[in-house]
Amino acid sequence: MIDFFKDLFSFLKKRKKFWLLPIIIVLLLLGTLLVLSQGSAVAPFIYTIF
């Protein structure tokens, strides 16, 4: 998994696509939030946001 992030960062660095980095970070955070809240009591409140 770490190799994937190394390859991704090297791609962004080589192609000068640093504007993609905030989009990737936000998508990762939203995905993590959905996965972690799936089995909790907070899930109904999270799903109303989306």
PDB file of N, CA and C in Angstrom:
ATOM      1  N   MET A   1       0.819  -1.190   0.000  1.00  0.00           N
ATOM      2  CA  MET A   1       0.000   0.000   0.000  1.00  0.00           C
ATOM      3  C   MET A   1       0.870   1.264   0.000  1.00  0.00           C
ATOM      4  N   ILE A   2       1.993   1.192   0.701  1.00  0.00           N
ATOM      5  CA  ILE A   2       2.893   2.344   0.740  1.00  0.00           C
ATOM      6  C   ILE A   2       3.504   2.574  -0.642  1.00  0.00           C
ATOM      7  N   ASP A   3       3.749   1.496  -1.378  1.00  0.00           N
ATOM      8  CA  ASP A   3       4.290   1.638  -2.728  1.00  0.00           C
ATOM      9  C   ASP A   3       3.334   2.402  -3.634  1.00  0.00           C
ATOM     10  N   PHE A   4       2.037   2.172  -3.435  1.00  0.00           N
ATOM     11  CA  PHE A   4       1.036   2.883  -4.230  1.00  0.00           C
ATOM     12  C   PHE A   4       1.126   4.388  -3.999  1.00  0.00           C
ATOM     13  N   PHE A   5       1.249   4.782  -2.722  1.00  0.00           N
ATOM     14  CA  PHE A   5       1.327   6.200  -2.406  1.00  0.00           C
ATOM     15  C   PHE A   5       2.639   6.815  -2.895  1.00  0.00           C
ATOM     16  N   LYS A   6       3.709   6.046  -2.854  1.00  0.00           N
ATOM     17  CA  LYS A   6       4.982   6.529  -3.393  1.00  0.00           C
ATOM     18  C   LYS A   6       4.876   6.745  -4.897  1.00  0.00           C
ATOM     19  N   ASP A   7       4.272   5.785  -5.598  1.00  0.00           N
ATOM     20  CA  ASP A   7       4.095   5.919  -7.037  1.00  0.00           C
ATOM     21  C   ASP A   7       3.176   7.096  -7.373  1.00  0.00           C
ATOM     22  N   LEU A   8       2.125   7.246  -6.609  1.00  0.00           N
ATOM     23  CA  LEU A   8       1.196   8.349  -6.841  1.00  0.00           C
ATOM     24  C   LEU A   8       1.886   9.696  -6.645  1.00  0.00           C
ATOM     25  N   PHE A   9       2.651   9.819  -5.559  1.00  0.00           N
ATOM     26  CA  PHE A   9       3.344  11.079  -5.313  1.00  0.00           C
ATOM     27  C   PHE A   9       4.403  11.356  -6.376  1.00  0.00           C
ATOM     28  N   SER A  10       5.110  10.323  -6.814  1.00  0.00           N
ATOM     29  CA  SER A  10       6.113  10.533  -7.866  1.00  0.00           C
ATOM     30  C   SER A  10       5.449  10.929  -9.186  1.00  0.00           C
ATOM     31  N   PHE A  11       4.272  10.376  -9.457  1.00  0.00           N
ATOM     32  CA  PHE A  11       3.526  10.775 -10.651  1.00  0.00           C
ATOM     33  C   PHE A  11       3.124  12.244 -10.567  1.00  0.00           C
ATOM     34  N   LEU A  12       2.584  12.639  -9.400  1.00  0.00           N
ATOM     35  CA  LEU A  12       2.171  14.031  -9.224  1.00  0.00           C
ATOM     36  C   LEU A  12       3.361  14.978  -9.333  1.00  0.00           C
ATOM     37  N   LYS A  13       4.500  14.553  -8.805  1.00  0.00           N
ATOM     38  CA  LYS A  13       5.698  15.391  -8.832  1.00  0.00           C
ATOM     39  C   LYS A  13       6.250  15.515 -10.253  1.00  0.00           C
ATOM     40  N   LYS A  14       6.291  14.387 -10.966  1.00  0.00           N
ATOM     41  CA  LYS A  14       6.863  14.382 -12.307  1.00  0.00           C
ATOM     42  C   LYS A  14       5.992  15.158 -13.295  1.00  0.00           C
ATOM     43  N   ARG A  15       4.685  14.979 -13.196  1.00  0.00           N
ATOM     44  CA  ARG A  15       3.757  15.628 -14.131  1.00  0.00           C
ATOM     45  C   ARG A  15       3.317  17.020 -13.675  1.00  0.00           C
ATOM     46  N   LYS A  16       3.762  17.421 -12.478  1.00  0.00           N
ATOM     47  CA  LYS A  16       3.402  18.720 -11.897  1.00  0.00           C
ATOM     48  C   LYS A  16       1.886  18.873 -11.769  1.00  0.00           C
ATOM     49  N   LYS A  17       1.277  17.859 -11.206  1.00  0.00           N
ATOM     50  CA  LYS A  17      -0.178  17.844 -11.001  1.00  0.00           C
ATOM     51  C   LYS A  17      -0.509  17.961  -9.518  1.00  0.00           C
ATOM     52  N   PHE A  18       0.130  18.901  -8.846  1.00  0.00           N
ATOM     53  CA  PHE A  18      -0.077  19.049  -7.410  1.00  0.00           C
ATOM     54  C   PHE A  18      -1.486  19.524  -7.066  1.00  0.00           C
ATOM     55  N   TRP A  19      -2.219  20.043  -8.025  1.00  0.00           N
ATOM     56  CA  TRP A  19      -3.586  20.464  -7.763  1.00  0.00           C
ATOM     57  C   TRP A  19      -4.497  19.266  -7.507  1.00  0.00           C
ATOM     58  N   LEU A  20      -4.066  18.063  -7.882  1.00  0.00           N
ATOM     59  CA  LEU A  20      -4.859  16.859  -7.624  1.00  0.00           C
ATOM     60  C   LEU A  20      -4.751  16.386  -6.173  1.00  0.00           C
ATOM     61  N   LEU A  21      -3.704  16.794  -5.490  1.00  0.00           N
ATOM     62  CA  LEU A  21      -3.452  16.328  -4.131  1.00  0.00           C
ATOM     63  C   LEU A  21      -4.587  16.663  -3.155  1.00  0.00           C
ATOM     64  N   PRO A  22      -5.125  17.887  -3.118  1.00  0.00           N
ATOM     65  CA  PRO A  22      -6.246  18.149  -2.202  1.00  0.00           C
ATOM     66  C   PRO A  22      -7.495  17.329  -2.518  1.00  0.00           C
ATOM     67  N   ILE A  23      -7.735  17.074  -3.796  1.00  0.00           N
ATOM     68  CA  ILE A  23      -8.893  16.270  -4.186  1.00  0.00           C
ATOM     69  C   ILE A  23      -8.729  14.844  -3.682  1.00  0.00           C
ATOM     70  N   ILE A  24      -7.547  14.286  -3.827  1.00  0.00           N
ATOM     71  CA  ILE A  24      -7.273  12.924  -3.371  1.00  0.00           C
ATOM     72  C   ILE A  24      -7.398  12.833  -1.858  1.00  0.00           C
ATOM     73  N   ILE A  25      -6.887  13.824  -1.148  1.00  0.00           N
ATOM     74  CA  ILE A  25      -6.948  13.809   0.316  1.00  0.00           C
ATOM     75  C   ILE A  25      -8.399  13.878   0.791  1.00  0.00           C
ATOM     76  N   VAL A  26      -9.206  14.739   0.179  1.00  0.00           N
ATOM     77  CA  VAL A  26     -10.614  14.859   0.577  1.00  0.00           C
ATOM     78  C   VAL A  26     -11.368  13.561   0.287  1.00  0.00           C
ATOM     79  N   LEU A  27     -11.113  12.943  -0.845  1.00  0.00           N
ATOM     80  CA  LEU A  27     -11.774  11.679  -1.161  1.00  0.00           C
ATOM     81  C   LEU A  27     -11.382  10.577  -0.179  1.00  0.00           C
ATOM     82  N   LEU A  28     -10.116  10.529   0.196  1.00  0.00           N
ATOM     83  CA  LEU A  28      -9.663   9.543   1.176  1.00  0.00           C
ATOM     84  C   LEU A  28     -10.314   9.774   2.542  1.00  0.00           C
ATOM     85  N   LEU A  29     -10.415  11.034   2.955  1.00  0.00           N
ATOM     86  CA  LEU A  29     -11.038  11.341   4.243  1.00  0.00           C
ATOM     87  C   LEU A  29     -12.528  11.000   4.246  1.00  0.00           C
ATOM     88  N   LEU A  30     -13.228  11.308   3.163  1.00  0.00           N
ATOM     89  CA  LEU A  30     -14.650  10.968   3.086  1.00  0.00           C
ATOM     90  C   LEU A  30     -14.861   9.456   3.075  1.00  0.00           C
ATOM     91  N   GLY A  31     -14.024   8.745   2.352  1.00  0.00           N
ATOM     92  CA  GLY A  31     -14.122   7.289   2.332  1.00  0.00           C
ATOM     93  C   GLY A  31     -13.857   6.682   3.692  1.00  0.00           C
ATOM     94  N   THR A  32     -12.855   7.200   4.382  1.00  0.00           N
ATOM     95  CA  THR A  32     -12.545   6.717   5.727  1.00  0.00           C
ATOM     96  C   THR A  32     -13.687   7.014   6.691  1.00  0.00           C
ATOM     97  N   LEU A  33     -14.262   8.198   6.582  1.00  0.00           N
ATOM     98  CA  LEU A  33     -15.390   8.566   7.433  1.00  0.00           C
ATOM     99  C   LEU A  33     -16.573   7.634   7.215  1.00  0.00           C
ATOM    100  N   LEU A  34     -16.872   7.314   5.974  1.00  0.00           N
ATOM    101  CA  LEU A  34     -17.991   6.423   5.691  1.00  0.00           C
ATOM    102  C   LEU A  34     -17.738   5.010   6.190  1.00  0.00           C
ATOM    103  N   VAL A  35     -16.521   4.526   6.026  1.00  0.00           N
ATOM    104  CA  VAL A  35     -16.208   3.163   6.466  1.00  0.00           C
ATOM    105  C   VAL A  35     -16.239   3.064   7.992  1.00  0.00           C
ATOM    106  N   LEU A  36     -15.670   4.039   8.662  1.00  0.00           N
ATOM    107  CA  LEU A  36     -15.613   3.983  10.128  1.00  0.00           C
ATOM    108  C   LEU A  36     -16.967   4.207  10.779  1.00  0.00           C
ATOM    109  N   SER A  37     -17.826   4.973  10.151  1.00  0.00           N
ATOM    110  CA  SER A  37     -19.123   5.267  10.764  1.00  0.00           C
ATOM    111  C   SER A  37     -20.207   4.279  10.339  1.00  0.00           C
ATOM    112  N   GLN A  38     -19.858   3.321   9.541  1.00  0.00           N
ATOM    113  CA  GLN A  38     -20.852   2.391   9.006  1.00  0.00           C
ATOM    114  C   GLN A  38     -21.532   1.575  10.100  1.00  0.00           C
ATOM    115  N   GLY A  39     -20.800   1.131  11.084  1.00  0.00           N
ATOM    116  CA  GLY A  39     -21.384   0.290  12.112  1.00  0.00           C
ATOM    117  C   GLY A  39     -21.677   1.023  13.400  1.00  0.00           C
ATOM    118  N   SER A  40     -21.635   2.325  13.416  1.00  0.00           N
ATOM    119  CA  SER A  40     -21.822   3.058  14.663  1.00  0.00           C
ATOM    120  C   SER A  40     -23.202   3.713  14.714  1.00  0.00           C
ATOM    121  N   ALA A  41     -23.490   4.317  15.841  1.00  0.00           N
ATOM    122  CA  ALA A  41     -24.767   5.001  16.027  1.00  0.00           C
ATOM    123  C   ALA A  41     -24.803   6.332  15.288  1.00  0.00           C
ATOM    124  N   VAL A  42     -23.656   6.784  14.807  1.00  0.00           N
ATOM    125  CA  VAL A  42     -23.586   8.058  14.095  1.00  0.00           C
ATOM    126  C   VAL A  42     -23.963   7.894  12.624  1.00  0.00           C
ATOM    127  N   ALA A  43     -24.033   6.667  12.142  1.00  0.00           N
ATOM    128  CA  ALA A  43     -24.252   6.395  10.727  1.00  0.00           C
ATOM    129  C   ALA A  43     -25.484   7.094  10.148  1.00  0.00           C
ATOM    130  N   PRO A  44     -26.649   7.083  10.801  1.00  0.00           N
ATOM    131  CA  PRO A  44     -27.800   7.774  10.193  1.00  0.00           C
ATOM    132  C   PRO A  44     -27.566   9.265   9.987  1.00  0.00           C
ATOM    133  N   PHE A  45     -26.808   9.891  10.858  1.00  0.00           N
ATOM    134  CA  PHE A  45     -26.542  11.311  10.717  1.00  0.00           C
ATOM    135  C   PHE A  45     -25.544  11.591   9.597  1.00  0.00           C
ATOM    136  N   ILE A  46     -24.576  10.688   9.429  1.00  0.00           N
ATOM    137  CA  ILE A  46     -23.583  10.846   8.362  1.00  0.00           C
ATOM    138  C   ILE A  46     -24.256  10.675   7.009  1.00  0.00           C
ATOM    139  N   TYR A  47     -25.134   9.694   6.886  1.00  0.00           N
ATOM    140  CA  TYR A  47     -25.775   9.420   5.595  1.00  0.00           C
ATOM    141  C   TYR A  47     -26.737  10.513   5.185  1.00  0.00           C
ATOM    142  N   THR A  48     -27.273  11.292   6.132  1.00  0.00           N
ATOM    143  CA  THR A  48     -28.156  12.400   5.747  1.00  0.00           C
ATOM    144  C   THR A  48     -27.363  13.538   5.105  1.00  0.00           C
ATOM    145  N   ILE A  49     -26.069  13.617   5.387  1.00  0.00           N
ATOM    146  CA  ILE A  49     -25.242  14.650   4.755  1.00  0.00           C
ATOM    147  C   ILE A  49     -25.095  14.379   3.280  1.00  0.00           C
ATOM    148  N   PHE A  50     -24.966  13.110   2.905  1.00  0.00           N
ATOM    149  CA  PHE A  50     -24.767  12.751   1.519  1.00  0.00           C
ATOM    150  C   PHE A  50     -26.059  12.391   0.861  1.00  0.00           C
TER     151      PHE A  50
END
